[in-house]
PDB file of N, CA and C in Angstrom:
ATOM      1  N   MET A   1      -4.430  93.162 -41.138  1.00  0.00           N
ATOM      2  CA  MET A   1      -4.030  91.795 -40.804  1.00  0.00           C
ATOM      3  C   MET A   1      -4.340  91.480 -39.310  1.00  0.00           C
ATOM      4  N   THR A   2      -5.063  90.443 -39.222  1.00  0.00           N
ATOM      5  CA  THR A   2      -5.299  89.947 -37.812  1.00  0.00           C
ATOM      6  C   THR A   2      -4.889  88.573 -37.723  1.00  0.00           C
ATOM      7  N   ASN A   3      -4.545  87.831 -38.705  1.00  0.00           N
ATOM      8  CA  ASN A   3      -4.207  86.422 -38.597  1.00  0.00           C
ATOM      9  C   ASN A   3      -2.714  86.261 -38.507  1.00  0.00           C
ATOM     10  N   ARG A   4      -2.177  85.643 -37.486  1.00  0.00           N
ATOM     11  CA  ARG A   4      -0.654  85.459 -37.259  1.00  0.00           C
ATOM     12  C   ARG A   4      -0.084  84.459 -38.181  1.00  0.00           C
ATOM     13  N   ASN A   5      -0.742  84.007 -39.241  1.00  0.00           N
ATOM     14  CA  ASN A   5      -0.126  83.118 -40.200  1.00  0.00           C
ATOM     15  C   ASN A   5       0.431  83.941 -41.375  1.00  0.00           C
ATOM     16  N   VAL A   6       0.637  85.164 -41.254  1.00  0.00           N
ATOM     17  CA  VAL A   6       1.091  85.962 -42.305  1.00  0.00           C
ATOM     18  C   VAL A   6       2.620  86.184 -42.236  1.00  0.00           C
ATOM     19  N   VAL A   7       3.371  85.901 -43.393  1.00  0.00           N
ATOM     20  CA  VAL A   7       4.831  86.139 -43.367  1.00  0.00           C
ATOM     21  C   VAL A   7       4.996  87.265 -44.273  1.00  0.00           C
ATOM     22  N   LEU A   8       5.821  88.256 -43.666  1.00  0.00           N
ATOM     23  CA  LEU A   8       6.185  89.449 -44.478  1.00  0.00           C
ATOM     24  C   LEU A   8       7.527  89.038 -45.171  1.00  0.00           C
ATOM     25  N   VAL A   9       7.546  89.098 -46.506  1.00  0.00           N
ATOM     26  CA  VAL A   9       8.796  88.665 -47.196  1.00  0.00           C
ATOM     27  C   VAL A   9       9.321  89.915 -47.948  1.00  0.00           C
ATOM     28  N   VAL A  10      10.694  90.187 -47.748  1.00  0.00           N
ATOM     29  CA  VAL A  10      11.334  91.234 -48.376  1.00  0.00           C
ATOM     30  C   VAL A  10      12.493  90.701 -49.149  1.00  0.00           C
ATOM     31  N   ASP A  11      12.539  90.818 -50.464  1.00  0.00           N
ATOM     32  CA  ASP A  11      13.561  90.378 -51.344  1.00  0.00           C
ATOM     33  C   ASP A  11      13.483  91.208 -52.610  1.00  0.00           C
ATOM     34  N   ASP A  12      14.565  91.569 -53.192  1.00  0.00           N
ATOM     35  CA  ASP A  12      14.552  92.357 -54.424  1.00  0.00           C
ATOM     36  C   ASP A  12      14.609  91.417 -55.711  1.00  0.00           C
ATOM     37  N   ASP A  13      14.562  90.081 -55.525  1.00  0.00           N
ATOM     38  CA  ASP A  13      14.560  89.212 -56.591  1.00  0.00           C
ATOM     39  C   ASP A  13      13.119  88.620 -56.775  1.00  0.00           C
ATOM     40  N   PRO A  14      12.401  89.062 -57.917  1.00  0.00           N
ATOM     41  CA  PRO A  14      11.068  88.691 -58.161  1.00  0.00           C
ATOM     42  C   PRO A  14      10.842  87.224 -58.106  1.00  0.00           C
ATOM     43  N   GLY A  15      11.818  86.460 -58.594  1.00  0.00           N
ATOM     44  CA  GLY A  15      11.805  85.030 -58.702  1.00  0.00           C
ATOM     45  C   GLY A  15      11.642  84.371 -57.176  1.00  0.00           C
ATOM     46  N   ILE A  16      12.525  84.886 -56.393  1.00  0.00           N
ATOM     47  CA  ILE A  16      12.546  84.460 -54.988  1.00  0.00           C
ATOM     48  C   ILE A  16      11.188  84.842 -54.276  1.00  0.00           C
ATOM     49  N   LEU A  17      10.594  86.022 -54.472  1.00  0.00           N
ATOM     50  CA  LEU A  17       9.319  86.462 -53.958  1.00  0.00           C
ATOM     51  C   LEU A  17       8.285  85.444 -54.344  1.00  0.00           C
ATOM     52  N   MET A  18       8.202  85.027 -55.656  1.00  0.00           N
ATOM     53  CA  MET A  18       7.053  84.180 -56.125  1.00  0.00           C
ATOM     54  C   MET A  18       7.293  82.812 -55.602  1.00  0.00           C
ATOM     55  N   SER A  19       8.489  82.320 -55.605  1.00  0.00           N
ATOM     56  CA  SER A  19       8.685  80.968 -55.118  1.00  0.00           C
ATOM     57  C   SER A  19       8.385  80.914 -53.595  1.00  0.00           C
ATOM     58  N   VAL A  20       8.743  81.854 -52.776  1.00  0.00           N
ATOM     59  CA  VAL A  20       8.475  81.769 -51.384  1.00  0.00           C
ATOM     60  C   VAL A  20       6.985  81.836 -51.206  1.00  0.00           C
ATOM     61  N   LYS A  21       6.303  82.801 -52.001  1.00  0.00           N
ATOM     62  CA  LYS A  21       4.865  82.908 -51.852  1.00  0.00           C
ATOM     63  C   LYS A  21       4.184  81.606 -52.021  1.00  0.00           C
ATOM     64  N   ARG A  22       4.548  80.996 -53.117  1.00  0.00           N
ATOM     65  CA  ARG A  22       3.908  79.613 -53.457  1.00  0.00           C
ATOM     66  C   ARG A  22       4.220  78.570 -52.381  1.00  0.00           C
ATOM     67  N   LEU A  23       5.364  78.540 -51.865  1.00  0.00           N
ATOM     68  CA  LEU A  23       5.827  77.554 -50.893  1.00  0.00           C
ATOM     69  C   LEU A  23       5.027  77.883 -49.585  1.00  0.00           C
ATOM     70  N   LEU A  24       4.997  79.038 -49.137  1.00  0.00           N
ATOM     71  CA  LEU A  24       4.270  79.476 -47.976  1.00  0.00           C
ATOM     72  C   LEU A  24       2.768  79.138 -48.057  1.00  0.00           C
ATOM     73  N   ARG A  25       2.090  79.454 -49.164  1.00  0.00           N
ATOM     74  CA  ARG A  25       0.718  79.119 -49.423  1.00  0.00           C
ATOM     75  C   ARG A  25       0.512  77.653 -49.356  1.00  0.00           C
ATOM     76  N   ALA A  26       1.351  76.917 -49.985  1.00  0.00           N
ATOM     77  CA  ALA A  26       1.210  75.347 -49.918  1.00  0.00           C
ATOM     78  C   ALA A  26       1.367  74.856 -48.499  1.00  0.00           C
ATOM     79  N   ASN A  27       1.870  75.503 -47.625  1.00  0.00           N
ATOM     80  CA  ASN A  27       1.983  75.200 -46.251  1.00  0.00           C
ATOM     81  C   ASN A  27       1.034  75.941 -45.295  1.00  0.00           C
ATOM     82  N   GLY A  28       0.148  76.541 -45.747  1.00  0.00           N
ATOM     83  CA  GLY A  28      -0.934  77.233 -44.933  1.00  0.00           C
ATOM     84  C   GLY A  28      -0.622  78.613 -44.498  1.00  0.00           C
ATOM     85  N   TYR A  29       0.341  79.207 -44.999  1.00  0.00           N
ATOM     86  CA  TYR A  29       0.698  80.564 -44.625  1.00  0.00           C
ATOM     87  C   TYR A  29       0.408  81.571 -45.736  1.00  0.00           C
ATOM     88  N   GLU A  30      -0.076  82.730 -45.309  1.00  0.00           N
ATOM     89  CA  GLU A  30      -0.297  83.902 -46.223  1.00  0.00           C
ATOM     90  C   GLU A  30       1.042  84.618 -46.289  1.00  0.00           C
ATOM     91  N   SER A  31       1.139  85.479 -47.335  1.00  0.00           N
ATOM     92  CA  SER A  31       2.437  86.330 -47.402  1.00  0.00           C
ATOM     93  C   SER A  31       2.096  87.640 -47.957  1.00  0.00           C
ATOM     94  N   LEU A  32       2.821  88.655 -47.492  1.00  0.00           N
ATOM     95  CA  LEU A  32       2.822  90.011 -48.080  1.00  0.00           C
ATOM     96  C   LEU A  32       4.217  90.150 -48.595  1.00  0.00           C
ATOM     97  N   LEU A  33       4.332  90.534 -49.932  1.00  0.00           N
ATOM     98  CA  LEU A  33       5.663  90.592 -50.504  1.00  0.00           C
ATOM     99  C   LEU A  33       6.095  92.089 -50.743  1.00  0.00           C
ATOM    100  N   PHE A  34       7.468  92.278 -50.569  1.00  0.00           N
ATOM    101  CA  PHE A  34       7.952  93.608 -50.680  1.00  0.00           C
ATOM    102  C   PHE A  34       9.296  93.468 -51.434  1.00  0.00           C
ATOM    103  N   SER A  35       9.452  94.269 -52.413  1.00  0.00           N
ATOM    104  CA  SER A  35      10.729  94.248 -53.244  1.00  0.00           C
ATOM    105  C   SER A  35      11.740  95.249 -52.871  1.00  0.00           C
ATOM    106  N   THR A  36      11.403  96.115 -51.919  1.00  0.00           N
ATOM    107  CA  THR A  36      12.376  97.043 -51.443  1.00  0.00           C
ATOM    108  C   THR A  36      12.236  97.227 -50.026  1.00  0.00           C
ATOM    109  N   ALA A  37      13.329  97.616 -49.274  1.00  0.00           N
ATOM    110  CA  ALA A  37      13.290  98.110 -47.874  1.00  0.00           C
ATOM    111  C   ALA A  37      12.258  99.252 -47.652  1.00  0.00           C
ATOM    112  N   ARG A  38      12.319 100.144 -48.669  1.00  0.00           N
ATOM    113  CA  ARG A  38      11.394 101.321 -48.548  1.00  0.00           C
ATOM    114  C   ARG A  38       9.928 100.891 -48.503  1.00  0.00           C
ATOM    115  N   ALA A  39       9.535 100.060 -49.398  1.00  0.00           N
ATOM    116  CA  ALA A  39       8.186  99.571 -49.490  1.00  0.00           C
ATOM    117  C   ALA A  39       7.812  98.780 -48.300  1.00  0.00           C
ATOM    118  N   PHE A  40       8.823  97.996 -47.778  1.00  0.00           N
ATOM    119  CA  PHE A  40       8.444  97.301 -46.508  1.00  0.00           C
ATOM    120  C   PHE A  40       8.265  98.132 -45.352  1.00  0.00           C
ATOM    121  N   MET A  41       9.080  99.259 -45.134  1.00  0.00           N
ATOM    122  CA  MET A  41       8.983 100.227 -44.110  1.00  0.00           C
ATOM    123  C   MET A  41       7.719 101.010 -44.166  1.00  0.00           C
ATOM    124  N   GLU A  42       7.037 101.092 -45.327  1.00  0.00           N
ATOM    125  CA  GLU A  42       5.744 101.757 -45.422  1.00  0.00           C
ATOM    126  C   GLU A  42       4.612 100.890 -44.923  1.00  0.00           C
ATOM    127  N   GLN A  43       4.884  99.658 -44.665  1.00  0.00           N
ATOM    128  CA  GLN A  43       3.929  98.662 -44.081  1.00  0.00           C
ATOM    129  C   GLN A  43       3.704  99.159 -42.649  1.00  0.00           C
ATOM    130  N   VAL A  44       2.525  99.324 -42.209  1.00  0.00           N
ATOM    131  CA  VAL A  44       2.207  99.841 -40.893  1.00  0.00           C
ATOM    132  C   VAL A  44       1.862  98.774 -39.874  1.00  0.00           C
ATOM    133  N   ASP A  45       1.636  97.527 -40.152  1.00  0.00           N
ATOM    134  CA  ASP A  45       1.191  96.582 -39.236  1.00  0.00           C
ATOM    135  C   ASP A  45       2.172  95.359 -39.147  1.00  0.00           C
ATOM    136  N   PHE A  46       3.396  95.589 -38.560  1.00  0.00           N
ATOM    137  CA  PHE A  46       4.306  94.443 -38.476  1.00  0.00           C
ATOM    138  C   PHE A  46       3.962  93.495 -37.368  1.00  0.00           C
ATOM    139  N   GLU A  47       3.280  94.014 -36.306  1.00  0.00           N
ATOM    140  CA  GLU A  47       3.132  93.150 -35.094  1.00  0.00           C
ATOM    141  C   GLU A  47       2.132  91.911 -35.247  1.00  0.00           C
ATOM    142  N   ASN A  48       1.312  92.040 -36.329  1.00  0.00           N
ATOM    143  CA  ASN A  48       0.348  90.979 -36.530  1.00  0.00           C
ATOM    144  C   ASN A  48       0.900  89.868 -37.442  1.00  0.00           C
ATOM    145  N   ALA A  49       2.161  89.971 -37.814  1.00  0.00           N
ATOM    146  CA  ALA A  49       2.776  89.012 -38.554  1.00  0.00           C
ATOM    147  C   ALA A  49       3.375  87.904 -37.838  1.00  0.00           C
ATOM    148  N   CYS A  50       3.422  86.700 -38.417  1.00  0.00           N
ATOM    149  CA  CYS A  50       4.143  85.635 -37.812  1.00  0.00           C
ATOM    150  C   CYS A  50       5.572  85.803 -37.712  1.00  0.00           C
ATOM    151  N   CYS A  51       6.136  86.332 -38.851  1.00  0.00           N
ATOM    152  CA  CYS A  51       7.587  86.636 -38.886  1.00  0.00           C
ATOM    153  C   CYS A  51       7.948  87.322 -40.138  1.00  0.00           C
ATOM    154  N   ILE A  52       9.126  87.890 -40.192  1.00  0.00           N
ATOM    155  CA  ILE A  52       9.575  88.627 -41.377  1.00  0.00           C
ATOM    156  C   ILE A  52      10.707  87.759 -41.913  1.00  0.00           C
ATOM    157  N   LEU A  53      10.604  87.482 -43.290  1.00  0.00           N
ATOM    158  CA  LEU A  53      11.590  86.753 -44.012  1.00  0.00           C
ATOM    159  C   LEU A  53      12.401  87.846 -44.826  1.00  0.00           C
ATOM    160  N   LEU A  54      13.623  88.059 -44.507  1.00  0.00           N
ATOM    161  CA  LEU A  54      14.272  89.317 -44.874  1.00  0.00           C
ATOM    162  C   LEU A  54      15.653  88.948 -45.551  1.00  0.00           C
ATOM    163  N   ASP A  55      15.730  89.441 -46.782  1.00  0.00           N
ATOM    164  CA  ASP A  55      16.987  89.260 -47.475  1.00  0.00           C
ATOM    165  C   ASP A  55      18.017  90.263 -46.893  1.00  0.00           C
ATOM    166  N   ILE A  56      19.214  89.794 -46.755  1.00  0.00           N
ATOM    167  CA  ILE A  56      20.308  90.610 -46.191  1.00  0.00           C
ATOM    168  C   ILE A  56      20.782  91.682 -47.130  1.00  0.00           C
ATOM    169  N   ASN A  57      20.912  91.441 -48.488  1.00  0.00           N
ATOM    170  CA  ASN A  57      21.413  92.364 -49.392  1.00  0.00           C
ATOM    171  C   ASN A  57      20.304  92.747 -50.308  1.00  0.00           C
ATOM    172  N   LEU A  58      19.690  93.880 -49.970  1.00  0.00           N
ATOM    173  CA  LEU A  58      18.645  94.532 -50.783  1.00  0.00           C
ATOM    174  C   LEU A  58      19.241  95.624 -51.641  1.00  0.00           C
ATOM    175  N   GLU A  59      18.657  95.911 -52.725  1.00  0.00           N
ATOM    176  CA  GLU A  59      19.103  96.995 -53.582  1.00  0.00           C
ATOM    177  C   GLU A  59      19.098  98.303 -52.879  1.00  0.00           C
ATOM    178  N   ASP A  60      18.177  98.545 -52.004  1.00  0.00           N
ATOM    179  CA  ASP A  60      18.153  99.869 -51.409  1.00  0.00           C
ATOM    180  C   ASP A  60      18.422  99.840 -49.901  1.00  0.00           C
ATOM    181  N   GLY A  61      19.166  98.867 -49.496  1.00  0.00           N
ATOM    182  CA  GLY A  61      19.660  98.785 -48.066  1.00  0.00           C
ATOM    183  C   GLY A  61      20.047  97.476 -47.611  1.00  0.00           C
ATOM    184  N   SER A  62      20.372  97.413 -46.364  1.00  0.00           N
ATOM    185  CA  SER A  62      20.840  96.146 -45.695  1.00  0.00           C
ATOM    186  C   SER A  62      19.665  95.657 -44.783  1.00  0.00           C
ATOM    187  N   GLY A  63      19.398  94.428 -45.006  1.00  0.00           N
ATOM    188  CA  GLY A  63      18.361  93.791 -44.213  1.00  0.00           C
ATOM    189  C   GLY A  63      18.800  93.775 -42.809  1.00  0.00           C
ATOM    190  N   ILE A  64      20.000  93.633 -42.457  1.00  0.00           N
ATOM    191  CA  ILE A  64      20.453  93.558 -41.098  1.00  0.00           C
ATOM    192  C   ILE A  64      20.128  94.893 -40.491  1.00  0.00           C
ATOM    193  N   GLU A  65      20.492  96.013 -41.109  1.00  0.00           N
ATOM    194  CA  GLU A  65      20.243  97.349 -40.537  1.00  0.00           C
ATOM    195  C   GLU A  65      18.744  97.558 -40.514  1.00  0.00           C
ATOM    196  N   LEU A  66      18.013  97.090 -41.464  1.00  0.00           N
ATOM    197  CA  LEU A  66      16.525  97.126 -41.343  1.00  0.00           C
ATOM    198  C   LEU A  66      15.949  96.412 -40.129  1.00  0.00           C
ATOM    199  N   SER A  67      16.536  95.309 -39.829  1.00  0.00           N
ATOM    200  CA  SER A  67      16.059  94.586 -38.543  1.00  0.00           C
ATOM    201  C   SER A  67      16.366  95.447 -37.378  1.00  0.00           C
ATOM    202  N   TYR A  68      17.495  96.102 -37.338  1.00  0.00           N
ATOM    203  CA  TYR A  68      17.875  96.906 -36.206  1.00  0.00           C
ATOM    204  C   TYR A  68      16.937  98.159 -36.020  1.00  0.00           C
ATOM    205  N   ASP A  69      16.528  98.662 -37.282  1.00  0.00           N
ATOM    206  CA  ASP A  69      15.578  99.726 -37.294  1.00  0.00           C
ATOM    207  C   ASP A  69      14.193  99.290 -36.723  1.00  0.00           C
ATOM    208  N   LEU A  70      13.826  98.053 -37.060  1.00  0.00           N
ATOM    209  CA  LEU A  70      12.474  97.560 -36.558  1.00  0.00           C
ATOM    210  C   LEU A  70      12.634  97.330 -34.960  1.00  0.00           C
ATOM    211  N   THR A  71      13.665  96.890 -34.504  1.00  0.00           N
ATOM    212  CA  THR A  71      13.830  96.641 -33.125  1.00  0.00           C
ATOM    213  C   THR A  71      13.839  97.980 -32.376  1.00  0.00           C
ATOM    214  N   ALA A  72      14.568  98.919 -32.925  1.00  0.00           N
ATOM    215  CA  ALA A  72      14.573 100.310 -32.344  1.00  0.00           C
ATOM    216  C   ALA A  72      13.209 100.941 -32.270  1.00  0.00           C
ATOM    217  N   ALA A  73      12.412 100.656 -33.238  1.00  0.00           N
ATOM    218  CA  ALA A  73      10.956 101.051 -33.303  1.00  0.00           C
ATOM    219  C   ALA A  73       9.998 100.315 -32.403  1.00  0.00           C
ATOM    220  N   GLY A  74      10.515  99.200 -31.728  1.00  0.00           N
ATOM    221  CA  GLY A  74       9.774  98.575 -30.784  1.00  0.00           C
ATOM    222  C   GLY A  74       9.206  97.182 -31.295  1.00  0.00           C
ATOM    223  N   SER A  75       9.541  96.823 -32.496  1.00  0.00           N
ATOM    224  CA  SER A  75       8.943  95.532 -33.142  1.00  0.00           C
ATOM    225  C   SER A  75       9.556  94.340 -32.392  1.00  0.00           C
ATOM    226  N   SER A  76       8.710  93.350 -32.220  1.00  0.00           N
ATOM    227  CA  SER A  76       9.222  92.126 -31.615  1.00  0.00           C
ATOM    228  C   SER A  76       8.965  90.981 -32.535  1.00  0.00           C
ATOM    229  N   VAL A  77       8.585  91.248 -33.863  1.00  0.00           N
ATOM    230  CA  VAL A  77       8.335  90.264 -34.742  1.00  0.00           C
ATOM    231  C   VAL A  77       9.590  89.394 -35.095  1.00  0.00           C
ATOM    232  N   PRO A  78       9.574  88.048 -34.996  1.00  0.00           N
ATOM    233  CA  PRO A  78      10.836  87.367 -35.363  1.00  0.00           C
ATOM    234  C   PRO A  78      11.271  87.575 -36.734  1.00  0.00           C
ATOM    235  N   VAL A  79      12.567  87.654 -37.006  1.00  0.00           N
ATOM    236  CA  VAL A  79      13.208  87.878 -38.330  1.00  0.00           C
ATOM    237  C   VAL A  79      13.967  86.501 -38.649  1.00  0.00           C
ATOM    238  N   ILE A  80      13.724  86.059 -39.946  1.00  0.00           N
ATOM    239  CA  ILE A  80      14.503  85.057 -40.600  1.00  0.00           C
ATOM    240  C   ILE A  80      15.246  85.733 -41.667  1.00  0.00           C
ATOM    241  N   PHE A  81      16.566  85.625 -41.585  1.00  0.00           N
ATOM    242  CA  PHE A  81      17.368  86.237 -42.649  1.00  0.00           C
ATOM    243  C   PHE A  81      17.703  85.209 -43.745  1.00  0.00           C
ATOM    244  N   MET A  82      17.783  85.653 -45.000  1.00  0.00           N
ATOM    245  CA  MET A  82      18.265  84.913 -46.015  1.00  0.00           C
ATOM    246  C   MET A  82      19.302  85.630 -46.926  1.00  0.00           C
ATOM    247  N   THR A  83      20.198  84.874 -47.412  1.00  0.00           N
ATOM    248  CA  THR A  83      21.250  85.510 -48.196  1.00  0.00           C
ATOM    249  C   THR A  83      21.812  84.571 -49.258  1.00  0.00           C
ATOM    250  N   GLY A  84      22.091  85.153 -50.351  1.00  0.00           N
ATOM    251  CA  GLY A  84      22.926  84.421 -51.423  1.00  0.00           C
ATOM    252  C   GLY A  84      24.492  84.574 -51.255  1.00  0.00           C
ATOM    253  N   ASN A  85      24.858  85.474 -50.366  1.00  0.00           N
ATOM    254  CA  ASN A  85      26.290  85.810 -50.225  1.00  0.00           C
ATOM    255  C   ASN A  85      26.724  85.469 -48.792  1.00  0.00           C
ATOM    256  N   ASP A  86      26.744  84.249 -48.519  1.00  0.00           N
ATOM    257  CA  ASP A  86      27.091  83.821 -47.146  1.00  0.00           C
ATOM    258  C   ASP A  86      28.733  83.973 -46.868  1.00  0.00           C
ATOM    259  N   ASN A  87      28.980  84.496 -45.799  1.00  0.00           N
ATOM    260  CA  ASN A  87      30.365  84.508 -45.307  1.00  0.00           C
ATOM    261  C   ASN A  87      30.257  84.727 -43.817  1.00  0.00           C
ATOM    262  N   PRO A  88      31.371  84.380 -43.133  1.00  0.00           N
ATOM    263  CA  PRO A  88      31.324  84.374 -41.635  1.00  0.00           C
ATOM    264  C   PRO A  88      30.992  85.633 -41.011  1.00  0.00           C
ATOM    265  N   ALA A  89      31.423  86.845 -41.555  1.00  0.00           N
ATOM    266  CA  ALA A  89      31.073  88.111 -41.075  1.00  0.00           C
ATOM    267  C   ALA A  89      29.572  88.394 -41.183  1.00  0.00           C
ATOM    268  N   VAL A  90      28.998  88.122 -42.248  1.00  0.00           N
ATOM    269  CA  VAL A  90      27.612  88.297 -42.505  1.00  0.00           C
ATOM    270  C   VAL A  90      26.777  87.435 -41.589  1.00  0.00           C
ATOM    271  N   ARG A  91      27.111  86.154 -41.498  1.00  0.00           N
ATOM    272  CA  ARG A  91      26.428  85.209 -40.672  1.00  0.00           C
ATOM    273  C   ARG A  91      26.514  85.786 -39.182  1.00  0.00           C
ATOM    274  N   LYS A  92      27.654  86.206 -38.775  1.00  0.00           N
ATOM    275  CA  LYS A  92      27.853  86.691 -37.376  1.00  0.00           C
ATOM    276  C   LYS A  92      26.979  87.921 -37.143  1.00  0.00           C
ATOM    277  N   ALA A  93      27.015  88.818 -37.967  1.00  0.00           N
ATOM    278  CA  ALA A  93      26.180  90.112 -37.908  1.00  0.00           C
ATOM    279  C   ALA A  93      24.691  89.683 -37.842  1.00  0.00           C
ATOM    280  N   ALA A  94      24.231  88.755 -38.648  1.00  0.00           N
ATOM    281  CA  ALA A  94      22.796  88.368 -38.692  1.00  0.00           C
ATOM    282  C   ALA A  94      22.486  87.768 -37.344  1.00  0.00           C
ATOM    283  N   LEU A  95      23.288  86.845 -36.798  1.00  0.00           N
ATOM    284  CA  LEU A  95      22.980  86.253 -35.585  1.00  0.00           C
ATOM    285  C   LEU A  95      22.992  87.265 -34.386  1.00  0.00           C
ATOM    286  N   GLU A  96      23.968  88.154 -34.502  1.00  0.00           N
ATOM    287  CA  GLU A  96      23.943  89.283 -33.421  1.00  0.00           C
ATOM    288  C   GLU A  96      22.653  90.098 -33.518  1.00  0.00           C
ATOM    289  N   ALA A  97      22.061  90.204 -34.659  1.00  0.00           N
ATOM    290  CA  ALA A  97      20.874  91.095 -34.788  1.00  0.00           C
ATOM    291  C   ALA A  97      19.673  90.349 -34.203  1.00  0.00           C
ATOM    292  N   GLY A  98      19.872  89.027 -33.837  1.00  0.00           N
ATOM    293  CA  GLY A  98      18.812  88.330 -33.186  1.00  0.00           C
ATOM    294  C   GLY A  98      17.856  87.580 -33.979  1.00  0.00           C
ATOM    295  N   CYS A  99      18.284  87.213 -35.203  1.00  0.00           N
ATOM    296  CA  CYS A  99      17.384  86.339 -35.998  1.00  0.00           C
ATOM    297  C   CYS A  99      17.118  84.934 -35.459  1.00  0.00           C
ATOM    298  N   VAL A 100      15.896  84.418 -35.826  1.00  0.00           N
ATOM    299  CA  VAL A 100      15.445  83.156 -35.389  1.00  0.00           C
ATOM    300  C   VAL A 100      15.982  82.011 -36.306  1.00  0.00           C
ATOM    301  N   ALA A 101      16.411  82.487 -37.463  1.00  0.00           N
ATOM    302  CA  ALA A 101      16.999  81.591 -38.471  1.00  0.00           C
ATOM    303  C   ALA A 101      17.916  82.287 -39.508  1.00  0.00           C
ATOM    304  N   TYR A 102      18.791  81.623 -40.076  1.00  0.00           N
ATOM    305  CA  TYR A 102      19.699  82.214 -41.106  1.00  0.00           C
ATOM    306  C   TYR A 102      19.739  81.230 -42.197  1.00  0.00           C
ATOM    307  N   LEU A 103      19.197  81.559 -43.487  1.00  0.00           N
ATOM    308  CA  LEU A 103      19.097  80.628 -44.481  1.00  0.00           C
ATOM    309  C   LEU A 103      20.007  81.181 -45.597  1.00  0.00           C
ATOM    310  N   THR A 104      20.726  80.225 -46.336  1.00  0.00           N
ATOM    311  CA  THR A 104      21.550  80.425 -47.337  1.00  0.00           C
ATOM    312  C   THR A 104      20.901  79.941 -48.620  1.00  0.00           C
ATOM    313  N   LYS A 105      20.775  81.019 -49.592  1.00  0.00           N
ATOM    314  CA  LYS A 105      20.094  80.668 -50.898  1.00  0.00           C
ATOM    315  C   LYS A 105      21.149  79.877 -51.697  1.00  0.00           C
ATOM    316  N   PRO A 106      20.640  78.828 -52.412  1.00  0.00           N
ATOM    317  CA  PRO A 106      19.244  78.324 -52.338  1.00  0.00           C
ATOM    318  C   PRO A 106      19.059  77.490 -51.158  1.00  0.00           C
ATOM    319  N   PHE A 107      17.892  77.653 -50.553  1.00  0.00           N
ATOM    320  CA  PHE A 107      17.585  76.904 -49.325  1.00  0.00           C
ATOM    321  C   PHE A 107      16.532  75.865 -49.666  1.00  0.00           C
ATOM    322  N   SER A 108      16.288  74.944 -48.856  1.00  0.00           N
ATOM    323  CA  SER A 108      15.351  73.927 -49.061  1.00  0.00           C
ATOM    324  C   SER A 108      14.010  74.342 -48.545  1.00  0.00           C
ATOM    325  N   ALA A 109      12.950  73.795 -49.118  1.00  0.00           N
ATOM    326  CA  ALA A 109      11.542  74.105 -48.650  1.00  0.00           C
ATOM    327  C   ALA A 109      11.512  73.788 -47.276  1.00  0.00           C
ATOM    328  N   LYS A 110      12.000  72.608 -46.810  1.00  0.00           N
ATOM    329  CA  LYS A 110      12.006  72.212 -45.504  1.00  0.00           C
ATOM    330  C   LYS A 110      12.526  73.186 -44.426  1.00  0.00           C
ATOM    331  N   SER A 111      13.740  73.659 -44.857  1.00  0.00           N
ATOM    332  CA  SER A 111      14.470  74.548 -43.970  1.00  0.00           C
ATOM    333  C   SER A 111      13.679  75.926 -43.867  1.00  0.00           C
ATOM    334  N   LEU A 112      13.027  76.329 -44.863  1.00  0.00           N
ATOM    335  CA  LEU A 112      12.242  77.574 -44.759  1.00  0.00           C
ATOM    336  C   LEU A 112      11.012  77.342 -43.845  1.00  0.00           C
ATOM    337  N   ILE A 113      10.190  76.226 -44.204  1.00  0.00           N
ATOM    338  CA  ILE A 113       9.076  75.977 -43.381  1.00  0.00           C
ATOM    339  C   ILE A 113       9.378  75.706 -41.928  1.00  0.00           C
ATOM    340  N   ASP A 114      10.413  74.957 -41.658  1.00  0.00           N
ATOM    341  CA  ASP A 114      10.843  74.723 -40.301  1.00  0.00           C
ATOM    342  C   ASP A 114      11.105  76.033 -39.630  1.00  0.00           C
ATOM    343  N   SER A 115      11.793  76.887 -40.232  1.00  0.00           N
ATOM    344  CA  SER A 115      12.129  78.277 -39.693  1.00  0.00           C
ATOM    345  C   SER A 115      10.940  79.070 -39.455  1.00  0.00           C
ATOM    346  N   VAL A 116      10.000  79.093 -40.363  1.00  0.00           N
ATOM    347  CA  VAL A 116       8.716  79.817 -40.213  1.00  0.00           C
ATOM    348  C   VAL A 116       7.879  79.227 -38.991  1.00  0.00           C
ATOM    349  N   GLU A 117       7.824  77.893 -38.992  1.00  0.00           N
ATOM    350  CA  GLU A 117       7.049  77.252 -37.853  1.00  0.00           C
ATOM    351  C   GLU A 117       7.661  77.582 -36.481  1.00  0.00           C
ATOM    352  N   ARG A 118       9.011  77.579 -36.404  1.00  0.00           N
ATOM    353  CA  ARG A 118       9.665  77.874 -35.240  1.00  0.00           C
ATOM    354  C   ARG A 118       9.293  79.380 -34.735  1.00  0.00           C
ATOM    355  N   ALA A 119       9.380  80.378 -35.802  1.00  0.00           N
ATOM    356  CA  ALA A 119       8.985  81.695 -35.499  1.00  0.00           C
ATOM    357  C   ALA A 119       7.592  81.771 -35.087  1.00  0.00           C
ATOM    358  N   TRP A 120       6.695  81.176 -35.804  1.00  0.00           N
ATOM    359  CA  TRP A 120       5.265  81.087 -35.459  1.00  0.00           C
ATOM    360  C   TRP A 120       4.964  80.591 -34.000  1.00  0.00           C
ATOM    361  N   ALA A 121       5.696  79.553 -33.690  1.00  0.00           N
ATOM    362  CA  ALA A 121       5.471  78.960 -32.326  1.00  0.00           C
ATOM    363  C   ALA A 121       5.954  80.008 -31.221  1.00  0.00           C
ATOM    364  N   GLY A 122       6.870  80.830 -31.592  1.00  0.00           N
ATOM    365  CA  GLY A 122       7.438  81.729 -30.604  1.00  0.00           C
ATOM    366  C   GLY A 122       6.495  82.957 -30.434  1.00  0.00           C
ATOM    367  N   VAL A 123       5.581  83.246 -31.360  1.00  0.00           N
ATOM    368  CA  VAL A 123       4.661  84.346 -31.258  1.00  0.00           C
ATOM    369  C   VAL A 123       3.249  83.917 -30.727  1.00  0.00           C
ATOM    370  N   MET A 124       2.917  82.742 -30.811  1.00  0.00           N
ATOM    371  CA  MET A 124       1.629  82.209 -30.347  1.00  0.00           C
ATOM    372  C   MET A 124       1.596  82.090 -28.777  1.00  0.00           C
TER     373      MET A 124
END
């Protein structure tokens, strides 16, 4: 990957992955999709991504913990969290992890693209 318009998407719901992929493509972004935290962590080139769209509740781990692991490994790629289980404690933990946006499922196309564009502007 050398193009910064790539969004890495991590979600264990295949429907969300396909919907987000189509939405990103329609707005000029490429995507790499991962259905598990493990598959995502096998990705070797995080730094050339525009951002990471990361589900908080993955079958094989916590998206918030995954973001801390990325930070500890030296990654500076912006993270956008998404969740279908919004509550004040989860929102607080996500914001403390340093996300650029926090989206509650179902989210609007506009809220996702606005968040990606904000992340993209921050890395360019």
